[in-house]
Each structure stands twice: as structure tokens, then as C-alpha cells.
Amino acid sequence: MFREMRRQDRKTGNEEAAAILAAGEYGILSTVGDNGYAYGVPLSYVYSNGSIYFHCAPEGHKLDNIKHNNKVSFCVVGATEVLPESFSTKYESVIVFGKASEVYDDEKREALMAILKKYSSGFMDKGIEYLKSDSCKTKVIKIEIEHMTGKSNND
């Protein structure tokens, strides 16, 4: 169902790919709309319990696309370094394919707490208060990973 990576010599193991996902600052969510066009949008996320979670407004382009077709792709680029003298780049990246759906109740709260901890760990008390007052204005989407590939060139 999913294509094999062409450069097998650059393929990472699942543990390394998961570490790249966990450490990533942002990723690109790719969806397809009812007009047939791909739509890629950068967003903050957290990798938790083997899934990817992100929060968003209660309406918008990405949600419309997910409603149309919940199959998505998510790409994270980790550490990079351009090597001009060898016309190359050191890099690490992960591409995920999965299905996106909204989560609710405990899973939503846990995902929001994980996002808060990842991006604002020094402000947990203030963040918890913010979540109590504003989480009803936020949707949380989960990407259940069906296929994941990691790739790196650290030569």
C-alpha cells in the first residue's frame, strides 16, 4: 500500500524516526481538499503514545479537508546542516501517513497538556489556567500513524 523508500541506505529505524518526531519543533500537515488540490500547512504538534496531536481553531481549511478525506501526511525535518564544500546536506526527517480525527474529553485534555509541556514547560501553572478557560474554543486532532519512514544523512 505504501511505497518503499528509494534510498534504503538513508533509512532510519523506527526508534530513531520516533525520536526525530518527538524532538521536532513543527511539522507540515498535508491534506487534500474537495477541489482535489493538496494543502500543506506548518503547525506545532506533539508526538505522544504513538500518535501525533495538534490543536487548531474550531473551523478552517485543514478541518474542511480532513472532513473531506481524513487520510493525511505529516512531515518533520529535524537537524540540518548545509555542507557547501561537498554540495550536500546533513539532515534527518520523518514522513508519516495516517488518518486524522478529532479527539475529545480525557484524550483531548491529555494531548493539550502534552503540547503545553512540550512548548511552555516553564509556564505550566499559567498554561493550565489558560487551558481551563480556552480549551472549549480549541479542537484537538489526532493522527493515527499507519506508516512512518525516517531518513537521515549524517555522513
N, C-alpha and C. Protein backbone atom coordinates (compact mmCIF):
# COMPACT_ATOMS: atom_id res chain seq x y z
N MET A 1 0.81 -1.19 0.00
CA MET A 1 0.00 0.00 0.00
C MET A 1 0.86 1.26 0.00
N PHE A 2 1.96 1.27 0.77
CA PHE A 2 2.84 2.42 0.81
C PHE A 2 4.12 2.09 0.06
N ARG A 3 4.64 3.06 -0.65
CA ARG A 3 5.87 2.87 -1.42
C ARG A 3 7.06 2.70 -0.50
N GLU A 4 8.00 1.91 -0.95
CA GLU A 4 9.26 1.76 -0.24
C GLU A 4 10.12 2.99 -0.50
N MET A 5 10.91 3.35 0.49
CA MET A 5 11.83 4.47 0.34
C MET A 5 12.89 4.09 -0.70
N ARG A 6 13.16 5.00 -1.62
CA ARG A 6 14.14 4.74 -2.67
C ARG A 6 15.54 4.59 -2.11
N ARG A 7 15.95 5.48 -1.22
CA ARG A 7 17.30 5.45 -0.65
C ARG A 7 17.32 4.65 0.64
N GLN A 8 17.31 3.35 0.52
CA GLN A 8 17.30 2.47 1.69
C GLN A 8 18.54 2.67 2.57
N ASP A 9 19.63 3.13 1.96
CA ASP A 9 20.86 3.36 2.74
C ASP A 9 20.71 4.55 3.70
N ARG A 10 19.69 5.38 3.51
CA ARG A 10 19.45 6.53 4.39
C ARG A 10 18.31 6.29 5.37
N LYS A 11 17.68 5.14 5.28
CA LYS A 11 16.53 4.83 6.12
C LYS A 11 16.94 4.68 7.58
N THR A 12 16.16 5.28 8.47
CA THR A 12 16.41 5.12 9.91
C THR A 12 15.52 4.01 10.44
N GLY A 13 15.82 3.55 11.62
CA GLY A 13 14.94 2.61 12.30
C GLY A 13 13.74 3.35 12.88
N ASN A 14 12.75 2.59 13.30
CA ASN A 14 11.54 3.20 13.86
C ASN A 14 11.82 3.99 15.13
N GLU A 15 12.74 3.51 15.96
CA GLU A 15 13.05 4.24 17.19
C GLU A 15 13.68 5.59 16.90
N GLU A 16 14.59 5.63 15.93
CA GLU A 16 15.21 6.91 15.56
C GLU A 16 14.18 7.84 14.92
N ALA A 17 13.30 7.29 14.09
CA ALA A 17 12.25 8.12 13.48
C ALA A 17 11.34 8.69 14.56
N ALA A 18 10.98 7.87 15.54
CA ALA A 18 10.14 8.35 16.64
C ALA A 18 10.84 9.43 17.45
N ALA A 19 12.15 9.30 17.63
CA ALA A 19 12.91 10.33 18.37
C ALA A 19 12.93 11.64 17.59
N ILE A 20 13.05 11.58 16.28
CA ILE A 20 13.01 12.79 15.45
C ILE A 20 11.64 13.45 15.57
N LEU A 21 10.58 12.64 15.53
CA LEU A 21 9.22 13.18 15.69
C LEU A 21 9.06 13.84 17.05
N ALA A 22 9.52 13.17 18.09
CA ALA A 22 9.36 13.70 19.45
C ALA A 22 10.10 15.02 19.63
N ALA A 23 11.26 15.15 19.01
CA ALA A 23 12.09 16.35 19.19
C ALA A 23 11.71 17.50 18.26
N GLY A 24 10.97 17.22 17.20
CA GLY A 24 10.65 18.24 16.21
C GLY A 24 9.89 19.42 16.78
N GLU A 25 10.20 20.59 16.25
CA GLU A 25 9.55 21.81 16.72
C GLU A 25 8.22 22.06 16.00
N TYR A 26 8.18 21.72 14.72
CA TYR A 26 6.95 21.87 13.94
C TYR A 26 6.97 20.84 12.82
N GLY A 27 5.82 20.64 12.22
CA GLY A 27 5.71 19.72 11.08
C GLY A 27 4.80 20.33 10.04
N ILE A 28 4.78 19.70 8.88
CA ILE A 28 3.91 20.13 7.79
C ILE A 28 2.82 19.08 7.62
N LEU A 29 1.58 19.48 7.84
CA LEU A 29 0.43 18.62 7.62
C LEU A 29 -0.03 18.79 6.18
N SER A 30 -0.17 17.69 5.47
CA SER A 30 -0.66 17.73 4.09
C SER A 30 -1.99 17.01 4.01
N THR A 31 -2.95 17.70 3.42
CA THR A 31 -4.30 17.18 3.24
C THR A 31 -4.70 17.40 1.79
N VAL A 32 -5.85 16.84 1.42
CA VAL A 32 -6.40 17.06 0.07
C VAL A 32 -7.82 17.56 0.23
N GLY A 33 -8.13 18.63 -0.46
CA GLY A 33 -9.46 19.22 -0.37
C GLY A 33 -10.43 18.65 -1.37
N ASP A 34 -11.68 19.08 -1.26
CA ASP A 34 -12.70 18.59 -2.17
C ASP A 34 -12.50 19.08 -3.60
N ASN A 35 -11.57 20.04 -3.78
CA ASN A 35 -11.24 20.50 -5.12
C ASN A 35 -10.10 19.68 -5.73
N GLY A 36 -9.58 18.71 -4.98
CA GLY A 36 -8.52 17.83 -5.48
C GLY A 36 -7.12 18.37 -5.27
N TYR A 37 -6.99 19.57 -4.74
CA TYR A 37 -5.67 20.15 -4.53
C TYR A 37 -5.09 19.76 -3.18
N ALA A 38 -3.78 19.54 -3.16
CA ALA A 38 -3.08 19.29 -1.91
C ALA A 38 -2.94 20.61 -1.16
N TYR A 39 -2.93 20.50 0.16
CA TYR A 39 -2.79 21.67 1.03
C TYR A 39 -1.81 21.30 2.14
N GLY A 40 -0.70 22.01 2.21
CA GLY A 40 0.28 21.77 3.25
C GLY A 40 0.34 22.97 4.18
N VAL A 41 0.29 22.71 5.48
CA VAL A 41 0.30 23.80 6.44
C VAL A 41 1.23 23.44 7.60
N PRO A 42 2.13 24.37 7.97
CA PRO A 42 3.01 24.11 9.12
C PRO A 42 2.23 24.26 10.42
N LEU A 43 2.54 23.40 11.37
CA LEU A 43 1.87 23.50 12.66
C LEU A 43 2.70 22.90 13.78
N SER A 44 2.43 23.36 14.98
CA SER A 44 3.02 22.80 16.19
C SER A 44 2.28 21.52 16.52
N TYR A 45 2.97 20.58 17.15
CA TYR A 45 2.38 19.27 17.39
C TYR A 45 3.10 18.62 18.56
N VAL A 46 2.57 17.50 18.98
CA VAL A 46 3.26 16.65 19.94
C VAL A 46 3.11 15.20 19.48
N TYR A 47 4.17 14.44 19.67
CA TYR A 47 4.16 13.01 19.40
C TYR A 47 4.00 12.32 20.75
N SER A 48 2.88 11.64 20.94
CA SER A 48 2.57 11.07 22.24
C SER A 48 1.82 9.76 22.06
N ASN A 49 2.23 8.75 22.80
CA ASN A 49 1.56 7.44 22.77
C ASN A 49 1.44 6.89 21.35
N GLY A 50 2.47 7.13 20.54
CA GLY A 50 2.49 6.57 19.19
C GLY A 50 1.63 7.29 18.17
N SER A 51 1.09 8.45 18.54
CA SER A 51 0.26 9.25 17.63
C SER A 51 0.75 10.68 17.64
N ILE A 52 0.29 11.44 16.67
CA ILE A 52 0.60 12.86 16.57
C ILE A 52 -0.68 13.63 16.90
N TYR A 53 -0.53 14.67 17.73
CA TYR A 53 -1.66 15.51 18.11
C TYR A 53 -1.32 16.97 17.79
N PHE A 54 -2.33 17.70 17.34
CA PHE A 54 -2.19 19.15 17.19
C PHE A 54 -3.53 19.80 17.54
N HIS A 55 -3.45 21.07 17.90
CA HIS A 55 -4.68 21.81 18.20
C HIS A 55 -4.90 22.86 17.13
N CYS A 56 -6.15 23.26 17.00
CA CYS A 56 -6.48 24.26 15.97
C CYS A 56 -7.80 24.93 16.33
N ALA A 57 -8.13 25.93 15.55
CA ALA A 57 -9.40 26.63 15.72
C ALA A 57 -10.55 25.67 15.37
N PRO A 58 -11.76 25.99 15.79
CA PRO A 58 -12.89 25.10 15.55
C PRO A 58 -13.31 24.97 14.08
N GLU A 59 -12.76 25.80 13.22
CA GLU A 59 -13.09 25.71 11.79
C GLU A 59 -11.90 26.19 10.98
N GLY A 60 -11.87 25.78 9.72
CA GLY A 60 -10.79 26.23 8.86
C GLY A 60 -10.49 25.25 7.74
N HIS A 61 -9.55 25.64 6.91
CA HIS A 61 -9.19 24.89 5.70
C HIS A 61 -8.78 23.45 6.02
N LYS A 62 -7.87 23.27 6.98
CA LYS A 62 -7.38 21.91 7.24
C LYS A 62 -8.50 21.02 7.76
N LEU A 63 -9.39 21.57 8.60
CA LEU A 63 -10.50 20.77 9.11
C LEU A 63 -11.49 20.41 8.00
N ASP A 64 -11.73 21.35 7.10
CA ASP A 64 -12.59 21.05 5.95
C ASP A 64 -12.00 19.91 5.12
N ASN A 65 -10.68 19.97 4.90
CA ASN A 65 -10.03 18.93 4.12
C ASN A 65 -10.06 17.58 4.83
N ILE A 66 -9.83 17.58 6.14
CA ILE A 66 -9.86 16.32 6.90
C ILE A 66 -11.26 15.73 6.88
N LYS A 67 -12.26 16.59 6.94
CA LYS A 67 -13.65 16.11 6.85
C LYS A 67 -13.90 15.46 5.49
N HIS A 68 -13.34 16.04 4.45
CA HIS A 68 -13.48 15.51 3.08
C HIS A 68 -12.73 14.19 2.93
N ASN A 69 -11.49 14.14 3.45
CA ASN A 69 -10.65 12.95 3.32
C ASN A 69 -9.69 12.94 4.51
N ASN A 70 -9.88 11.99 5.42
CA ASN A 70 -9.09 12.00 6.65
C ASN A 70 -7.70 11.37 6.49
N LYS A 71 -7.35 10.92 5.30
CA LYS A 71 -6.00 10.41 5.06
C LYS A 71 -5.06 11.60 4.89
N VAL A 72 -4.01 11.64 5.72
CA VAL A 72 -3.10 12.77 5.72
C VAL A 72 -1.66 12.29 5.68
N SER A 73 -0.79 13.24 5.40
CA SER A 73 0.64 13.03 5.51
C SER A 73 1.19 14.12 6.41
N PHE A 74 2.22 13.78 7.18
CA PHE A 74 2.82 14.74 8.09
C PHE A 74 4.32 14.59 8.01
N CYS A 75 5.02 15.69 7.79
CA CYS A 75 6.47 15.67 7.58
C CYS A 75 7.15 16.55 8.62
N VAL A 76 8.21 16.00 9.21
CA VAL A 76 9.03 16.74 10.17
C VAL A 76 10.47 16.70 9.70
N VAL A 77 11.12 17.85 9.68
CA VAL A 77 12.54 17.94 9.38
C VAL A 77 13.25 18.27 10.68
N GLY A 78 14.20 17.42 11.06
CA GLY A 78 14.96 17.64 12.28
C GLY A 78 16.19 18.48 12.01
N ALA A 79 17.29 18.09 12.59
CA ALA A 79 18.56 18.83 12.44
C ALA A 79 19.04 18.80 11.00
N THR A 80 19.52 19.94 10.54
CA THR A 80 20.10 20.04 9.19
C THR A 80 21.40 20.84 9.26
N GLU A 81 22.26 20.58 8.29
CA GLU A 81 23.49 21.35 8.15
C GLU A 81 23.91 21.30 6.69
N VAL A 82 23.94 22.46 6.05
CA VAL A 82 24.39 22.53 4.66
C VAL A 82 25.90 22.33 4.63
N LEU A 83 26.35 21.48 3.71
CA LEU A 83 27.77 21.20 3.52
C LEU A 83 28.18 21.72 2.14
N PRO A 84 28.46 23.04 2.04
CA PRO A 84 28.68 23.66 0.73
C PRO A 84 29.87 23.07 -0.02
N GLU A 85 30.91 22.69 0.71
CA GLU A 85 32.12 22.19 0.04
C GLU A 85 31.90 20.82 -0.61
N SER A 86 30.89 20.08 -0.14
CA SER A 86 30.62 18.77 -0.75
C SER A 86 29.28 18.74 -1.48
N PHE A 87 28.67 19.92 -1.63
CA PHE A 87 27.41 20.05 -2.37
C PHE A 87 26.36 19.09 -1.81
N SER A 88 26.27 19.07 -0.50
CA SER A 88 25.37 18.13 0.16
C SER A 88 24.79 18.78 1.42
N THR A 89 23.99 18.02 2.12
CA THR A 89 23.37 18.48 3.36
C THR A 89 23.26 17.31 4.33
N LYS A 90 23.61 17.56 5.57
CA LYS A 90 23.29 16.61 6.63
C LYS A 90 21.84 16.90 7.02
N TYR A 91 21.05 15.87 7.25
CA TYR A 91 19.65 16.09 7.59
C TYR A 91 19.08 14.86 8.28
N GLU A 92 17.93 15.06 8.87
CA GLU A 92 17.10 13.99 9.38
C GLU A 92 15.66 14.41 9.19
N SER A 93 14.83 13.46 8.79
CA SER A 93 13.43 13.77 8.55
C SER A 93 12.57 12.53 8.75
N VAL A 94 11.29 12.78 8.93
CA VAL A 94 10.31 11.71 9.07
C VAL A 94 9.08 12.09 8.27
N ILE A 95 8.53 11.11 7.59
CA ILE A 95 7.25 11.28 6.92
C ILE A 95 6.29 10.23 7.47
N VAL A 96 5.11 10.71 7.86
CA VAL A 96 4.08 9.86 8.44
C VAL A 96 2.87 9.88 7.52
N PHE A 97 2.25 8.74 7.37
CA PHE A 97 0.95 8.64 6.72
C PHE A 97 -0.02 8.10 7.75
N GLY A 98 -1.20 8.69 7.82
CA GLY A 98 -2.17 8.22 8.80
C GLY A 98 -3.53 8.81 8.57
N LYS A 99 -4.40 8.55 9.53
CA LYS A 99 -5.77 9.06 9.46
C LYS A 99 -5.98 10.03 10.61
N ALA A 100 -6.57 11.17 10.28
CA ALA A 100 -6.79 12.24 11.24
C ALA A 100 -8.24 12.24 11.71
N SER A 101 -8.40 12.47 13.02
CA SER A 101 -9.74 12.57 13.57
C SER A 101 -9.69 13.42 14.84
N GLU A 102 -10.82 14.03 15.15
CA GLU A 102 -10.90 14.85 16.36
C GLU A 102 -10.97 13.95 17.59
N VAL A 103 -10.33 14.40 18.67
CA VAL A 103 -10.41 13.67 19.94
C VAL A 103 -11.13 14.54 20.96
N TYR A 104 -11.65 13.88 21.99
CA TYR A 104 -12.50 14.57 22.97
C TYR A 104 -12.12 14.15 24.40
N ASP A 105 -12.67 14.87 25.35
CA ASP A 105 -12.63 14.52 26.77
C ASP A 105 -11.22 14.27 27.28
N ASP A 106 -10.99 13.13 27.91
CA ASP A 106 -9.68 12.86 28.53
C ASP A 106 -8.54 12.88 27.52
N GLU A 107 -8.77 12.31 26.35
CA GLU A 107 -7.70 12.28 25.35
C GLU A 107 -7.38 13.69 24.89
N LYS A 108 -8.37 14.54 24.74
CA LYS A 108 -8.15 15.94 24.35
C LYS A 108 -7.34 16.65 25.43
N ARG A 109 -7.75 16.49 26.70
CA ARG A 109 -7.04 17.13 27.81
C ARG A 109 -5.58 16.66 27.88
N GLU A 110 -5.38 15.36 27.74
CA GLU A 110 -4.02 14.81 27.79
C GLU A 110 -3.16 15.35 26.65
N ALA A 111 -3.74 15.45 25.46
CA ALA A 111 -3.00 15.99 24.32
C ALA A 111 -2.65 17.46 24.54
N LEU A 112 -3.60 18.25 25.02
CA LEU A 112 -3.32 19.66 25.28
C LEU A 112 -2.25 19.82 26.36
N MET A 113 -2.29 18.97 27.37
CA MET A 113 -1.26 19.03 28.42
C MET A 113 0.11 18.65 27.84
N ALA A 114 0.15 17.67 26.96
CA ALA A 114 1.42 17.27 26.34
C ALA A 114 1.97 18.40 25.46
N ILE A 115 1.08 19.10 24.74
CA ILE A 115 1.50 20.24 23.91
C ILE A 115 2.03 21.35 24.82
N LEU A 116 1.31 21.63 25.89
CA LEU A 116 1.73 22.65 26.85
C LEU A 116 3.11 22.32 27.43
N LYS A 117 3.29 21.07 27.82
CA LYS A 117 4.56 20.65 28.40
C LYS A 117 5.70 20.78 27.39
N LYS A 118 5.43 20.43 26.13
CA LYS A 118 6.47 20.49 25.09
C LYS A 118 6.89 21.93 24.80
N TYR A 119 5.92 22.83 24.67
CA TYR A 119 6.22 24.17 24.18
C TYR A 119 6.32 25.24 25.28
N SER A 120 5.76 24.98 26.46
CA SER A 120 5.74 26.00 27.51
C SER A 120 5.97 25.39 28.88
N SER A 121 6.92 24.48 28.98
CA SER A 121 7.11 23.74 30.24
C SER A 121 7.44 24.64 31.42
N GLY A 122 8.01 25.80 31.17
CA GLY A 122 8.33 26.72 32.25
C GLY A 122 7.14 27.54 32.74
N PHE A 123 5.98 27.33 32.13
CA PHE A 123 4.79 28.12 32.46
C PHE A 123 3.57 27.22 32.65
N MET A 124 3.77 26.07 33.27
CA MET A 124 2.71 25.07 33.40
C MET A 124 1.50 25.60 34.15
N ASP A 125 1.71 26.24 35.28
CA ASP A 125 0.55 26.72 36.06
C ASP A 125 -0.29 27.70 35.25
N LYS A 126 0.37 28.66 34.63
CA LYS A 126 -0.34 29.65 33.81
C LYS A 126 -1.01 28.95 32.61
N GLY A 127 -0.31 27.99 32.02
CA GLY A 127 -0.85 27.25 30.88
C GLY A 127 -2.07 26.43 31.25
N ILE A 128 -2.06 25.81 32.40
CA ILE A 128 -3.21 25.02 32.86
C ILE A 128 -4.42 25.91 33.04
N GLU A 129 -4.22 27.10 33.59
CA GLU A 129 -5.33 28.05 33.73
C GLU A 129 -5.86 28.48 32.36
N TYR A 130 -4.93 28.70 31.44
CA TYR A 130 -5.33 29.08 30.08
C TYR A 130 -6.16 27.97 29.44
N LEU A 131 -5.72 26.73 29.61
CA LEU A 131 -6.46 25.60 29.03
C LEU A 131 -7.85 25.48 29.64
N LYS A 132 -7.96 25.72 30.94
CA LYS A 132 -9.27 25.63 31.60
C LYS A 132 -10.25 26.63 31.00
N SER A 133 -9.76 27.81 30.66
CA SER A 133 -10.67 28.85 30.17
C SER A 133 -10.87 28.81 28.66
N ASP A 134 -9.90 28.28 27.90
CA ASP A 134 -9.99 28.37 26.44
C ASP A 134 -10.06 27.04 25.69
N SER A 135 -9.96 25.91 26.36
CA SER A 135 -9.91 24.64 25.63
C SER A 135 -11.22 24.36 24.89
N CYS A 136 -12.33 24.96 25.34
CA CYS A 136 -13.60 24.76 24.64
C CYS A 136 -13.60 25.44 23.27
N LYS A 137 -12.68 26.38 23.06
CA LYS A 137 -12.57 27.09 21.78
C LYS A 137 -11.57 26.42 20.85
N THR A 138 -11.05 25.25 21.25
CA THR A 138 -9.98 24.59 20.53
C THR A 138 -10.38 23.17 20.18
N LYS A 139 -10.03 22.75 18.98
CA LYS A 139 -10.18 21.35 18.60
C LYS A 139 -8.81 20.70 18.69
N VAL A 140 -8.79 19.43 19.01
CA VAL A 140 -7.56 18.66 19.01
C VAL A 140 -7.74 17.52 18.03
N ILE A 141 -6.78 17.40 17.14
CA ILE A 141 -6.79 16.38 16.10
C ILE A 141 -5.67 15.39 16.36
N LYS A 142 -5.99 14.14 16.18
CA LYS A 142 -5.04 13.04 16.35
C LYS A 142 -4.77 12.43 14.98
N ILE A 143 -3.50 12.20 14.71
CA ILE A 143 -3.12 11.44 13.51
C ILE A 143 -2.71 10.06 13.99
N GLU A 144 -3.51 9.06 13.64
CA GLU A 144 -3.15 7.68 13.93
C GLU A 144 -2.21 7.22 12.84
N ILE A 145 -1.01 6.89 13.22
CA ILE A 145 0.04 6.57 12.25
C ILE A 145 -0.18 5.19 11.67
N GLU A 146 -0.25 5.13 10.34
CA GLU A 146 -0.37 3.86 9.63
C GLU A 146 0.96 3.44 9.01
N HIS A 147 1.78 4.43 8.67
CA HIS A 147 3.08 4.14 8.05
C HIS A 147 4.01 5.31 8.36
N MET A 148 5.25 4.99 8.71
CA MET A 148 6.21 6.03 9.07
C MET A 148 7.57 5.64 8.52
N THR A 149 8.24 6.60 7.91
CA THR A 149 9.62 6.38 7.46
C THR A 149 10.49 7.52 7.95
N GLY A 150 11.66 7.18 8.41
CA GLY A 150 12.66 8.17 8.78
C GLY A 150 13.82 8.07 7.83
N LYS A 151 14.47 9.21 7.63
CA LYS A 151 15.59 9.27 6.69
C LYS A 151 16.64 10.20 7.26
N SER A 152 17.90 9.83 7.11
CA SER A 152 18.96 10.74 7.57
C SER A 152 20.21 10.58 6.73
N ASN A 153 20.94 11.66 6.66
CA ASN A 153 22.25 11.68 6.02
C ASN A 153 23.16 12.41 6.99
N ASN A 154 23.85 11.65 7.79
CA ASN A 154 24.74 12.25 8.79
C ASN A 154 26.19 11.96 8.49
N ASP A 155 26.49 11.75 7.23
CA ASP A 155 27.87 11.46 6.82
C ASP A 155 28.73 12.71 6.82
